[in-house]
PDB file of all heavy atoms in Angstrom:
ATOM      1  N   CYS A   1       0.829  -1.206   0.000  1.00  0.00           N
ATOM      2  CA  CYS A   1       0.000   0.000   0.000  1.00  0.00           C
ATOM      3  C   CYS A   1       0.864   1.258   0.000  1.00  0.00           C
ATOM      4  O   CYS A   1       0.545   2.244  -0.683  1.00  0.00           O
ATOM      5  CB  CYS A   1      -0.933   0.002   1.211  1.00  0.00           C
ATOM      6  SG  CYS A   1      -2.230  -1.254   1.136  1.00  0.00           S
ATOM      7  N   PHE A   2       1.951   1.245   0.752  1.00  0.00           N
ATOM      8  CA  PHE A   2       2.829   2.410   0.811  1.00  0.00           C
ATOM      9  C   PHE A   2       3.483   2.665  -0.550  1.00  0.00           C
ATOM     10  O   PHE A   2       3.527   3.802  -1.022  1.00  0.00           O
ATOM     11  CB  PHE A   2       3.887   2.198   1.889  1.00  0.00           C
ATOM     12  CG  PHE A   2       4.803   3.377   2.084  1.00  0.00           C
ATOM     13  CD1 PHE A   2       4.371   4.495   2.769  1.00  0.00           C
ATOM     14  CD2 PHE A   2       6.084   3.369   1.574  1.00  0.00           C
ATOM     15  CE1 PHE A   2       5.206   5.592   2.942  1.00  0.00           C
ATOM     16  CE2 PHE A   2       6.929   4.448   1.736  1.00  0.00           C
ATOM     17  CZ  PHE A   2       6.482   5.572   2.426  1.00  0.00           C
ATOM     18  N   ILE A   3       3.979   1.609  -1.188  1.00  0.00           N
ATOM     19  CA  ILE A   3       4.635   1.770  -2.492  1.00  0.00           C
ATOM     20  C   ILE A   3       3.640   2.257  -3.542  1.00  0.00           C
ATOM     21  O   ILE A   3       3.931   3.171  -4.334  1.00  0.00           O
ATOM     22  CB  ILE A   3       5.285   0.444  -2.925  1.00  0.00           C
ATOM     23  CG1 ILE A   3       6.492   0.136  -2.020  1.00  0.00           C
ATOM     24  CG2 ILE A   3       5.713   0.499  -4.390  1.00  0.00           C
ATOM     25  CD1 ILE A   3       7.142  -1.192  -2.309  1.00  0.00           C
ATOM     26  N   TYR A   4       2.442   1.689  -3.563  1.00  0.00           N
ATOM     27  CA  TYR A   4       1.442   2.103  -4.555  1.00  0.00           C
ATOM     28  C   TYR A   4       0.963   3.528  -4.293  1.00  0.00           C
ATOM     29  O   TYR A   4       0.660   4.265  -5.238  1.00  0.00           O
ATOM     30  CB  TYR A   4       0.264   1.126  -4.541  1.00  0.00           C
ATOM     31  CG  TYR A   4       0.465  -0.061  -5.444  1.00  0.00           C
ATOM     32  CD1 TYR A   4       1.418  -1.026  -5.159  1.00  0.00           C
ATOM     33  CD2 TYR A   4      -0.293  -0.220  -6.596  1.00  0.00           C
ATOM     34  CE1 TYR A   4       1.623  -2.118  -5.992  1.00  0.00           C
ATOM     35  CE2 TYR A   4      -0.117  -1.310  -7.437  1.00  0.00           C
ATOM     36  CZ  TYR A   4       0.856  -2.255  -7.129  1.00  0.00           C
ATOM     37  OH  TYR A   4       1.054  -3.336  -7.962  1.00  0.00           O
ATOM     38  N   CYS A   5       0.900   3.919  -3.023  1.00  0.00           N
ATOM     39  CA  CYS A   5       0.526   5.289  -2.700  1.00  0.00           C
ATOM     40  C   CYS A   5       1.582   6.267  -3.206  1.00  0.00           C
ATOM     41  O   CYS A   5       1.254   7.304  -3.801  1.00  0.00           O
ATOM     42  CB  CYS A   5       0.339   5.432  -1.189  1.00  0.00           C
ATOM     43  SG  CYS A   5      -0.076   7.097  -0.632  1.00  0.00           S
ATOM     44  N   ILE A   6       2.863   5.950  -2.991  1.00  0.00           N
ATOM     45  CA  ILE A   6       3.953   6.795  -3.477  1.00  0.00           C
ATOM     46  C   ILE A   6       3.931   6.859  -5.007  1.00  0.00           C
ATOM     47  O   ILE A   6       4.118   7.931  -5.608  1.00  0.00           O
ATOM     48  CB  ILE A   6       5.306   6.267  -2.977  1.00  0.00           C
ATOM     49  CG1 ILE A   6       5.387   6.367  -1.446  1.00  0.00           C
ATOM     50  CG2 ILE A   6       6.460   7.031  -3.617  1.00  0.00           C
ATOM     51  CD1 ILE A   6       5.325   7.771  -0.923  1.00  0.00           C
ATOM     52  N   LEU A   7       3.701   5.724  -5.669  1.00  0.00           N
ATOM     53  CA  LEU A   7       3.632   5.712  -7.129  1.00  0.00           C
ATOM     54  C   LEU A   7       2.490   6.578  -7.647  1.00  0.00           C
ATOM     55  O   LEU A   7       2.624   7.275  -8.665  1.00  0.00           O
ATOM     56  CB  LEU A   7       3.466   4.276  -7.640  1.00  0.00           C
ATOM     57  CG  LEU A   7       4.713   3.397  -7.647  1.00  0.00           C
ATOM     58  CD1 LEU A   7       4.357   2.000  -8.131  1.00  0.00           C
ATOM     59  CD2 LEU A   7       5.798   4.007  -8.527  1.00  0.00           C
ATOM     60  N   PHE A   8       1.361   6.548  -6.967  1.00  0.00           N
ATOM     61  CA  PHE A   8       0.228   7.388  -7.361  1.00  0.00           C
ATOM     62  C   PHE A   8       0.629   8.864  -7.364  1.00  0.00           C
ATOM     63  O   PHE A   8       0.397   9.590  -8.333  1.00  0.00           O
ATOM     64  CB  PHE A   8      -0.949   7.153  -6.409  1.00  0.00           C
ATOM     65  CG  PHE A   8      -2.116   8.073  -6.639  1.00  0.00           C
ATOM     66  CD1 PHE A   8      -3.109   7.740  -7.541  1.00  0.00           C
ATOM     67  CD2 PHE A   8      -2.218   9.272  -5.948  1.00  0.00           C
ATOM     68  CE1 PHE A   8      -4.182   8.590  -7.754  1.00  0.00           C
ATOM     69  CE2 PHE A   8      -3.279  10.131  -6.157  1.00  0.00           C
ATOM     70  CZ  PHE A   8      -4.268   9.791  -7.055  1.00  0.00           C
ATOM     71  N   LEU A   9       1.252   9.324  -6.279  1.00  0.00           N
ATOM     72  CA  LEU A   9       1.641  10.724  -6.168  1.00  0.00           C
ATOM     73  C   LEU A   9       2.709  11.085  -7.194  1.00  0.00           C
ATOM     74  O   LEU A   9       2.667  12.161  -7.812  1.00  0.00           O
ATOM     75  CB  LEU A   9       2.138  11.022  -4.753  1.00  0.00           C
ATOM     76  CG  LEU A   9       1.126  10.789  -3.622  1.00  0.00           C
ATOM     77  CD1 LEU A   9       1.775  11.052  -2.275  1.00  0.00           C
ATOM     78  CD2 LEU A   9      -0.096  11.671  -3.796  1.00  0.00           C
ATOM     79  N   LYS A  10       3.671  10.179  -7.406  1.00  0.00           N
ATOM     80  CA  LYS A  10       4.766  10.476  -8.338  1.00  0.00           C
ATOM     81  C   LYS A  10       4.274  10.484  -9.786  1.00  0.00           C
ATOM     82  O   LYS A  10       4.666  11.359 -10.577  1.00  0.00           O
ATOM     83  CB  LYS A  10       5.889   9.454  -8.167  1.00  0.00           C
ATOM     84  CG  LYS A  10       6.638   9.588  -6.846  1.00  0.00           C
ATOM     85  CD  LYS A  10       8.039   9.048  -6.948  1.00  0.00           C
ATOM     86  CE  LYS A  10       8.841   9.309  -5.689  1.00  0.00           C
ATOM     87  NZ  LYS A  10      10.289   9.218  -5.882  1.00  0.00           N
ATOM     88  N   LEU A  11       3.436   9.529 -10.160  1.00  0.00           N
ATOM     89  CA  LEU A  11       2.933   9.511 -11.534  1.00  0.00           C
ATOM     90  C   LEU A  11       2.007  10.694 -11.798  1.00  0.00           C
ATOM     91  O   LEU A  11       1.982  11.226 -12.914  1.00  0.00           O
ATOM     92  CB  LEU A  11       2.212   8.193 -11.814  1.00  0.00           C
ATOM     93  CG  LEU A  11       3.102   6.949 -11.872  1.00  0.00           C
ATOM     94  CD1 LEU A  11       2.274   5.722 -12.237  1.00  0.00           C
ATOM     95  CD2 LEU A  11       4.246   7.128 -12.861  1.00  0.00           C
ATOM     96  N   TRP A  12       1.248  11.114 -10.795  1.00  0.00           N
ATOM     97  CA  TRP A  12       0.429  12.321 -10.927  1.00  0.00           C
ATOM     98  C   TRP A  12       1.340  13.509 -11.260  1.00  0.00           C
ATOM     99  O   TRP A  12       1.069  14.278 -12.183  1.00  0.00           O
ATOM    100  CB  TRP A  12      -0.324  12.563  -9.620  1.00  0.00           C
ATOM    101  CG  TRP A  12      -1.225  13.772  -9.602  1.00  0.00           C
ATOM    102  CD1 TRP A  12      -0.998  14.989 -10.194  1.00  0.00           C
ATOM    103  CD2 TRP A  12      -2.490  13.886  -8.935  1.00  0.00           C
ATOM    104  NE1 TRP A  12      -2.010  15.862  -9.930  1.00  0.00           N
ATOM    105  CE2 TRP A  12      -2.953  15.217  -9.164  1.00  0.00           C
ATOM    106  CE3 TRP A  12      -3.259  13.038  -8.160  1.00  0.00           C
ATOM    107  CZ2 TRP A  12      -4.160  15.673  -8.631  1.00  0.00           C
ATOM    108  CZ3 TRP A  12      -4.459  13.503  -7.640  1.00  0.00           C
ATOM    109  CH2 TRP A  12      -4.891  14.784  -7.893  1.00  0.00           C
ATOM    110  N   SER A  13       2.419  13.668 -10.504  1.00  0.00           N
ATOM    111  CA  SER A  13       3.358  14.765 -10.746  1.00  0.00           C
ATOM    112  C   SER A  13       4.001  14.638 -12.121  1.00  0.00           C
ATOM    113  O   SER A  13       4.140  15.636 -12.846  1.00  0.00           O
ATOM    114  CB  SER A  13       4.433  14.781  -9.649  1.00  0.00           C
ATOM    115  OG  SER A  13       5.385  15.782  -9.897  1.00  0.00           O
ATOM    116  N   TYR A  14       4.393  13.416 -12.490  1.00  0.00           N
ATOM    117  CA  TYR A  14       5.041  13.183 -13.786  1.00  0.00           C
ATOM    118  C   TYR A  14       4.119  13.583 -14.939  1.00  0.00           C
ATOM    119  O   TYR A  14       4.537  14.274 -15.878  1.00  0.00           O
ATOM    120  CB  TYR A  14       5.420  11.708 -13.892  1.00  0.00           C
ATOM    121  CG  TYR A  14       6.207  11.340 -15.125  1.00  0.00           C
ATOM    122  CD1 TYR A  14       7.560  11.635 -15.234  1.00  0.00           C
ATOM    123  CD2 TYR A  14       5.592  10.676 -16.194  1.00  0.00           C
ATOM    124  CE1 TYR A  14       8.283  11.285 -16.367  1.00  0.00           C
ATOM    125  CE2 TYR A  14       6.301  10.322 -17.324  1.00  0.00           C
ATOM    126  CZ  TYR A  14       7.654  10.634 -17.405  1.00  0.00           C
ATOM    127  OH  TYR A  14       8.369  10.288 -18.522  1.00  0.00           O
ATOM    128  N   VAL A  15       2.867  13.195 -14.861  1.00  0.00           N
ATOM    129  CA  VAL A  15       1.909  13.515 -15.922  1.00  0.00           C
ATOM    130  C   VAL A  15       1.659  15.015 -15.980  1.00  0.00           C
ATOM    131  O   VAL A  15       1.656  15.625 -17.059  1.00  0.00           O
ATOM    132  CB  VAL A  15       0.595  12.744 -15.708  1.00  0.00           C
ATOM    133  CG1 VAL A  15      -0.492  13.246 -16.663  1.00  0.00           C
ATOM    134  CG2 VAL A  15       0.817  11.250 -15.899  1.00  0.00           C
ATOM    135  N   GLN A  16       1.458  15.640 -14.821  1.00  0.00           N
ATOM    136  CA  GLN A  16       1.121  17.056 -14.804  1.00  0.00           C
ATOM    137  C   GLN A  16       2.284  17.924 -15.294  1.00  0.00           C
ATOM    138  O   GLN A  16       2.069  18.879 -16.049  1.00  0.00           O
ATOM    139  CB  GLN A  16       0.721  17.478 -13.386  1.00  0.00           C
ATOM    140  CG  GLN A  16      -0.007  18.799 -13.327  1.00  0.00           C
ATOM    141  CD  GLN A  16      -0.675  19.032 -11.988  1.00  0.00           C
ATOM    142  OE1 GLN A  16      -0.362  18.358 -11.003  1.00  0.00           O
ATOM    143  NE2 GLN A  16      -1.575  19.998 -11.923  1.00  0.00           N
ATOM    144  N   VAL A  17       3.500  17.600 -14.893  1.00  0.00           N
ATOM    145  CA  VAL A  17       4.651  18.373 -15.350  1.00  0.00           C
ATOM    146  C   VAL A  17       4.832  18.223 -16.856  1.00  0.00           C
ATOM    147  O   VAL A  17       5.136  19.201 -17.564  1.00  0.00           O
ATOM    148  CB  VAL A  17       5.924  17.939 -14.591  1.00  0.00           C
ATOM    149  CG1 VAL A  17       7.167  18.554 -15.229  1.00  0.00           C
ATOM    150  CG2 VAL A  17       5.835  18.336 -13.132  1.00  0.00           C
ATOM    151  N   ASN A  18       4.658  17.020 -17.373  1.00  0.00           N
ATOM    152  CA  ASN A  18       4.775  16.824 -18.828  1.00  0.00           C
ATOM    153  C   ASN A  18       3.677  17.558 -19.586  1.00  0.00           C
ATOM    154  O   ASN A  18       3.900  17.989 -20.726  1.00  0.00           O
ATOM    155  CB  ASN A  18       4.747  15.333 -19.157  1.00  0.00           C
ATOM    156  CG  ASN A  18       6.095  14.669 -18.946  1.00  0.00           C
ATOM    157  OD1 ASN A  18       7.103  15.084 -19.514  1.00  0.00           O
ATOM    158  ND2 ASN A  18       6.128  13.641 -18.117  1.00  0.00           N
ATOM    159  N   VAL A  19       2.504  17.721 -18.981  1.00  0.00           N
ATOM    160  CA  VAL A  19       1.457  18.529 -19.612  1.00  0.00           C
ATOM    161  C   VAL A  19       1.923  19.979 -19.719  1.00  0.00           C
ATOM    162  O   VAL A  19       1.756  20.623 -20.764  1.00  0.00           O
ATOM    163  CB  VAL A  19       0.144  18.439 -18.806  1.00  0.00           C
ATOM    164  CG1 VAL A  19      -0.856  19.492 -19.284  1.00  0.00           C
ATOM    165  CG2 VAL A  19      -0.466  17.049 -18.946  1.00  0.00           C
ATOM    166  N   TRP A  20       2.505  20.518 -18.637  1.00  0.00           N
ATOM    167  CA  TRP A  20       3.015  21.889 -18.684  1.00  0.00           C
ATOM    168  C   TRP A  20       4.078  22.038 -19.779  1.00  0.00           C
ATOM    169  O   TRP A  20       4.049  22.993 -20.553  1.00  0.00           O
ATOM    170  CB  TRP A  20       3.617  22.275 -17.332  1.00  0.00           C
ATOM    171  CG  TRP A  20       2.663  22.236 -16.189  1.00  0.00           C
ATOM    172  CD1 TRP A  20       1.294  22.331 -16.256  1.00  0.00           C
ATOM    173  CD2 TRP A  20       2.990  22.099 -14.804  1.00  0.00           C
ATOM    174  NE1 TRP A  20       0.753  22.251 -14.997  1.00  0.00           N
ATOM    175  CE2 TRP A  20       1.771  22.108 -14.082  1.00  0.00           C
ATOM    176  CE3 TRP A  20       4.176  21.960 -14.096  1.00  0.00           C
ATOM    177  CZ2 TRP A  20       1.721  21.998 -12.700  1.00  0.00           C
ATOM    178  CZ3 TRP A  20       4.142  21.861 -12.716  1.00  0.00           C
ATOM    179  CH2 TRP A  20       2.923  21.868 -12.029  1.00  0.00           C
ATOM    180  N   CYS A  21       5.012  21.092 -19.816  1.00  0.00           N
ATOM    181  CA  CYS A  21       6.097  21.158 -20.801  1.00  0.00           C
ATOM    182  C   CYS A  21       5.567  20.985 -22.226  1.00  0.00           C
ATOM    183  O   CYS A  21       6.042  21.659 -23.157  1.00  0.00           O
ATOM    184  CB  CYS A  21       7.144  20.091 -20.501  1.00  0.00           C
ATOM    185  SG  CYS A  21       8.013  20.321 -18.929  1.00  0.00           S
ATOM    186  N   ARG A  22       4.600  20.102 -22.416  1.00  0.00           N
ATOM    187  CA  ARG A  22       4.057  19.843 -23.758  1.00  0.00           C
ATOM    188  C   ARG A  22       3.316  21.078 -24.280  1.00  0.00           C
ATOM    189  O   ARG A  22       3.435  21.416 -25.454  1.00  0.00           O
ATOM    190  CB  ARG A  22       3.142  18.625 -23.730  1.00  0.00           C
ATOM    191  CG  ARG A  22       2.650  18.192 -25.096  1.00  0.00           C
ATOM    192  CD  ARG A  22       2.117  16.784 -25.089  1.00  0.00           C
ATOM    193  NE  ARG A  22       1.118  16.560 -24.067  1.00  0.00           N
ATOM    194  CZ  ARG A  22       1.328  15.827 -22.955  1.00  0.00           C
ATOM    195  NH1 ARG A  22       2.511  15.269 -22.748  1.00  0.00           N
ATOM    196  NH2 ARG A  22       0.371  15.657 -22.079  1.00  0.00           N
ATOM    197  N   ASN A  23       2.572  21.749 -23.414  1.00  0.00           N
ATOM    198  CA  ASN A  23       1.865  22.959 -23.845  1.00  0.00           C
ATOM    199  C   ASN A  23       2.839  24.049 -24.267  1.00  0.00           C
ATOM    200  O   ASN A  23       2.636  24.710 -25.296  1.00  0.00           O
ATOM    201  CB  ASN A  23       0.974  23.461 -22.712  1.00  0.00           C
ATOM    202  CG  ASN A  23      -0.200  22.537 -22.430  1.00  0.00           C
ATOM    203  OD1 ASN A  23      -0.616  21.776 -23.300  1.00  0.00           O
ATOM    204  ND2 ASN A  23      -0.724  22.595 -21.216  1.00  0.00           N
ATOM    205  N   GLN A  24       3.904  24.222 -23.501  1.00  0.00           N
ATOM    206  CA  GLN A  24       4.893  25.226 -23.881  1.00  0.00           C
ATOM    207  C   GLN A  24       5.623  24.830 -25.158  1.00  0.00           C
ATOM    208  O   GLN A  24       5.929  25.684 -26.003  1.00  0.00           O
ATOM    209  CB  GLN A  24       5.892  25.424 -22.732  1.00  0.00           C
ATOM    210  CG  GLN A  24       6.872  26.564 -22.981  1.00  0.00           C
ATOM    211  CD  GLN A  24       7.863  26.707 -21.849  1.00  0.00           C
ATOM    212  OE1 GLN A  24       8.163  25.750 -21.157  1.00  0.00           O
ATOM    213  NE2 GLN A  24       8.393  27.903 -21.677  1.00  0.00           N
ATOM    214  N   TYR A  25       5.906  23.532 -25.288  1.00  0.00           N
ATOM    215  CA  TYR A  25       6.590  23.037 -26.486  1.00  0.00           C
ATOM    216  C   TYR A  25       5.748  23.280 -27.741  1.00  0.00           C
ATOM    217  O   TYR A  25       6.259  23.709 -28.781  1.00  0.00           O
ATOM    218  CB  TYR A  25       6.888  21.546 -26.306  1.00  0.00           C
ATOM    219  CG  TYR A  25       7.523  20.875 -27.500  1.00  0.00           C
ATOM    220  CD1 TYR A  25       8.864  21.099 -27.817  1.00  0.00           C
ATOM    221  CD2 TYR A  25       6.785  20.014 -28.312  1.00  0.00           C
ATOM    222  CE1 TYR A  25       9.442  20.469 -28.911  1.00  0.00           C
ATOM    223  CE2 TYR A  25       7.355  19.392 -29.399  1.00  0.00           C
ATOM    224  CZ  TYR A  25       8.685  19.618 -29.688  1.00  0.00           C
ATOM    225  OH  TYR A  25       9.274  19.003 -30.770  1.00  0.00           O
ATOM    226  N   LYS A  26       4.429  23.055 -27.632  1.00  0.00           N
ATOM    227  CA  LYS A  26       3.549  23.278 -28.777  1.00  0.00           C
ATOM    228  C   LYS A  26       3.442  24.767 -29.113  1.00  0.00           C
ATOM    229  O   LYS A  26       3.406  25.147 -30.282  1.00  0.00           O
ATOM    230  CB  LYS A  26       2.168  22.702 -28.481  1.00  0.00           C
ATOM    231  CG  LYS A  26       2.121  21.178 -28.470  1.00  0.00           C
ATOM    232  CD  LYS A  26       0.710  20.677 -28.179  1.00  0.00           C
ATOM    233  CE  LYS A  26       0.662  19.164 -28.223  1.00  0.00           C
ATOM    234  NZ  LYS A  26      -0.704  18.646 -27.922  1.00  0.00           N
ATOM    235  N   GLN A  27       3.390  25.599 -28.089  1.00  0.00           N
ATOM    236  CA  GLN A  27       3.341  27.041 -28.340  1.00  0.00           C
ATOM    237  C   GLN A  27       4.605  27.524 -29.025  1.00  0.00           C
ATOM    238  O   GLN A  27       4.542  28.329 -29.967  1.00  0.00           O
ATOM    239  CB  GLN A  27       3.129  27.785 -27.016  1.00  0.00           C
ATOM    240  CG  GLN A  27       1.770  27.567 -26.385  1.00  0.00           C
ATOM    241  CD  GLN A  27       1.658  28.229 -25.031  1.00  0.00           C
ATOM    242  OE1 GLN A  27       2.583  28.905 -24.578  1.00  0.00           O
ATOM    243  NE2 GLN A  27       0.519  28.033 -24.367  1.00  0.00           N
ATOM    244  N   ARG A  28       5.741  27.051 -28.578  1.00  0.00           N
ATOM    245  CA  ARG A  28       7.002  27.466 -29.191  1.00  0.00           C
ATOM    246  C   ARG A  28       7.092  26.976 -30.626  1.00  0.00           C
ATOM    247  O   ARG A  28       7.562  27.695 -31.524  1.00  0.00           O
ATOM    248  CB  ARG A  28       8.173  26.926 -28.362  1.00  0.00           C
ATOM    249  CG  ARG A  28       9.523  27.452 -28.817  1.00  0.00           C
ATOM    250  CD  ARG A  28      10.642  27.038 -27.866  1.00  0.00           C
ATOM    251  NE  ARG A  28      10.848  25.605 -27.898  1.00  0.00           N
ATOM    252  CZ  ARG A  28      10.601  24.789 -26.863  1.00  0.00           C
ATOM    253  NH1 ARG A  28      10.117  25.292 -25.733  1.00  0.00           N
ATOM    254  NH2 ARG A  28      10.830  23.499 -26.949  1.00  0.00           N
ATOM    255  N   ARG A  29       6.607  25.764 -30.878  1.00  0.00           N
ATOM    256  CA  ARG A  29       6.662  25.224 -32.227  1.00  0.00           C
ATOM    257  C   ARG A  29       5.688  25.936 -33.161  1.00  0.00           C
ATOM    258  O   ARG A  29       5.976  26.141 -34.344  1.00  0.00           O
ATOM    259  CB  ARG A  29       6.354  23.726 -32.191  1.00  0.00           C
ATOM    260  CG  ARG A  29       6.709  23.013 -33.489  1.00  0.00           C
ATOM    261  CD  ARG A  29       6.553  21.524 -33.333  1.00  0.00           C
ATOM    262  NE  ARG A  29       5.208  21.145 -32.938  1.00  0.00           N
ATOM    263  CZ  ARG A  29       4.796  19.893 -32.797  1.00  0.00           C
ATOM    264  NH1 ARG A  29       5.657  18.900 -33.000  1.00  0.00           N
ATOM    265  NH2 ARG A  29       3.572  19.618 -32.429  1.00  0.00           N
ATOM    266  N   SER A  30       4.528  26.341 -32.626  1.00  0.00           N
ATOM    267  CA  SER A  30       3.578  27.082 -33.462  1.00  0.00           C
ATOM    268  C   SER A  30       4.110  28.457 -33.812  1.00  0.00           C
ATOM    269  O   SER A  30       3.894  28.953 -34.927  1.00  0.00           O
ATOM    270  CB  SER A  30       2.241  27.205 -32.727  1.00  0.00           C
ATOM    271  OG  SER A  30       2.387  27.970 -31.543  1.00  0.00           O
ATOM    272  N   ARG A  31       4.807  29.103 -32.861  1.00  0.00           N
ATOM    273  CA  ARG A  31       5.408  30.390 -33.178  1.00  0.00           C
ATOM    274  C   ARG A  31       6.501  30.246 -34.229  1.00  0.00           C
ATOM    275  O   ARG A  31       6.666  31.093 -35.108  1.00  0.00           O
ATOM    276  CB  ARG A  31       5.990  31.030 -31.911  1.00  0.00           C
ATOM    277  CG  ARG A  31       4.939  31.544 -30.936  1.00  0.00           C
ATOM    278  CD  ARG A  31       5.562  32.484 -29.932  1.00  0.00           C
ATOM    279  NE  ARG A  31       6.611  31.832 -29.166  1.00  0.00           N
ATOM    280  CZ  ARG A  31       6.424  31.228 -27.988  1.00  0.00           C
ATOM    281  NH1 ARG A  31       5.199  31.197 -27.460  1.00  0.00           N
ATOM    282  NH2 ARG A  31       7.424  30.679 -27.343  1.00  0.00           N
ATOM    283  N   SER A  32       7.260  29.161 -34.147  1.00  0.00           N
ATOM    284  CA  SER A  32       8.309  28.922 -35.142  1.00  0.00           C
ATOM    285  C   SER A  32       7.714  28.650 -36.511  1.00  0.00           C
ATOM    286  O   SER A  32       8.281  29.017 -37.548  1.00  0.00           O
ATOM    287  CB  SER A  32       9.187  27.738 -34.711  1.00  0.00           C
ATOM    288  OG  SER A  32       9.802  27.994 -33.459  1.00  0.00           O
ATOM    289  N   GLY A  33       6.531  28.012 -36.545  1.00  0.00           N
ATOM    290  CA  GLY A  33       5.903  27.691 -37.818  1.00  0.00           C
ATOM    291  C   GLY A  33       5.379  28.903 -38.547  1.00  0.00           C
ATOM    292  O   GLY A  33       5.183  28.870 -39.766  1.00  0.00           O
ATOM    293  N   ARG A  34       5.149  30.022 -37.837  1.00  0.00           N
ATOM    294  CA  ARG A  34       4.642  31.233 -38.481  1.00  0.00           C
ATOM    295  C   ARG A  34       5.717  31.928 -39.302  1.00  0.00           C
ATOM    296  O   ARG A  34       5.412  32.708 -40.195  1.00  0.00           O
ATOM    297  CB  ARG A  34       4.103  32.195 -37.419  1.00  0.00           C
ATOM    298  CG  ARG A  34       2.883  31.671 -36.663  1.00  0.00           C
ATOM    299  CD  ARG A  34       2.223  32.769 -35.861  1.00  0.00           C
ATOM    300  NE  ARG A  34       1.217  32.224 -34.956  1.00  0.00           N
ATOM    301  CZ  ARG A  34       1.400  32.063 -33.663  1.00  0.00           C
ATOM    302  NH1 ARG A  34       2.563  32.386 -33.128  1.00  0.00           N
ATOM    303  NH2 ARG A  34       0.448  31.575 -32.909  1.00  0.00           N
ATOM    304  N   ARG A  35       6.968  31.691 -38.986  1.00  0.00           N
ATOM    305  CA  ARG A  35       8.057  32.330 -39.740  1.00  0.00           C
ATOM    306  C   ARG A  35       8.307  31.526 -41.017  1.00  0.00           C
ATOM    307  O   ARG A  35       8.957  30.490 -41.000  1.00  0.00           O
ATOM    308  CB  ARG A  35       9.316  32.406 -38.873  1.00  0.00           C
ATOM    309  CG  ARG A  35       9.167  33.386 -37.707  1.00  0.00           C
ATOM    310  CD  ARG A  35      10.391  33.388 -36.827  1.00  0.00           C
ATOM    311  NE  ARG A  35      10.495  32.154 -36.054  1.00  0.00           N
ATOM    312  CZ  ARG A  35      11.515  31.891 -35.225  1.00  0.00           C
ATOM    313  NH1 ARG A  35      12.516  32.731 -35.129  1.00  0.00           N
ATOM    314  NH2 ARG A  35      11.537  30.771 -34.546  1.00  0.00           N
ATOM    315  N   GLN A  36       7.761  31.962 -42.103  1.00  0.00           N
ATOM    316  CA  GLN A  36       7.780  31.207 -43.346  1.00  0.00           C
ATOM    317  C   GLN A  36       9.175  31.065 -43.922  1.00  0.00           C
ATOM    318  O   GLN A  36       9.442  30.138 -44.684  1.00  0.00           O
ATOM    319  CB  GLN A  36       6.879  31.893 -44.382  1.00  0.00           C
ATOM    320  CG  GLN A  36       5.424  31.984 -43.936  1.00  0.00           C
ATOM    321  CD  GLN A  36       4.577  32.707 -44.944  1.00  0.00           C
ATOM    322  OE1 GLN A  36       5.086  33.175 -45.965  1.00  0.00           O
ATOM    323  NE2 GLN A  36       3.282  32.798 -44.683  1.00  0.00           N
TER     324      GLN A  36
END
């Protein structure tokens, strides 16, 4: 139970941080795509 509880919290953080990074990555790539 302790290990699965820790994994729950860590995977939640892993997913959420990657969402933040992915959104910024897409914004940066869209700005780069505007420069023809």
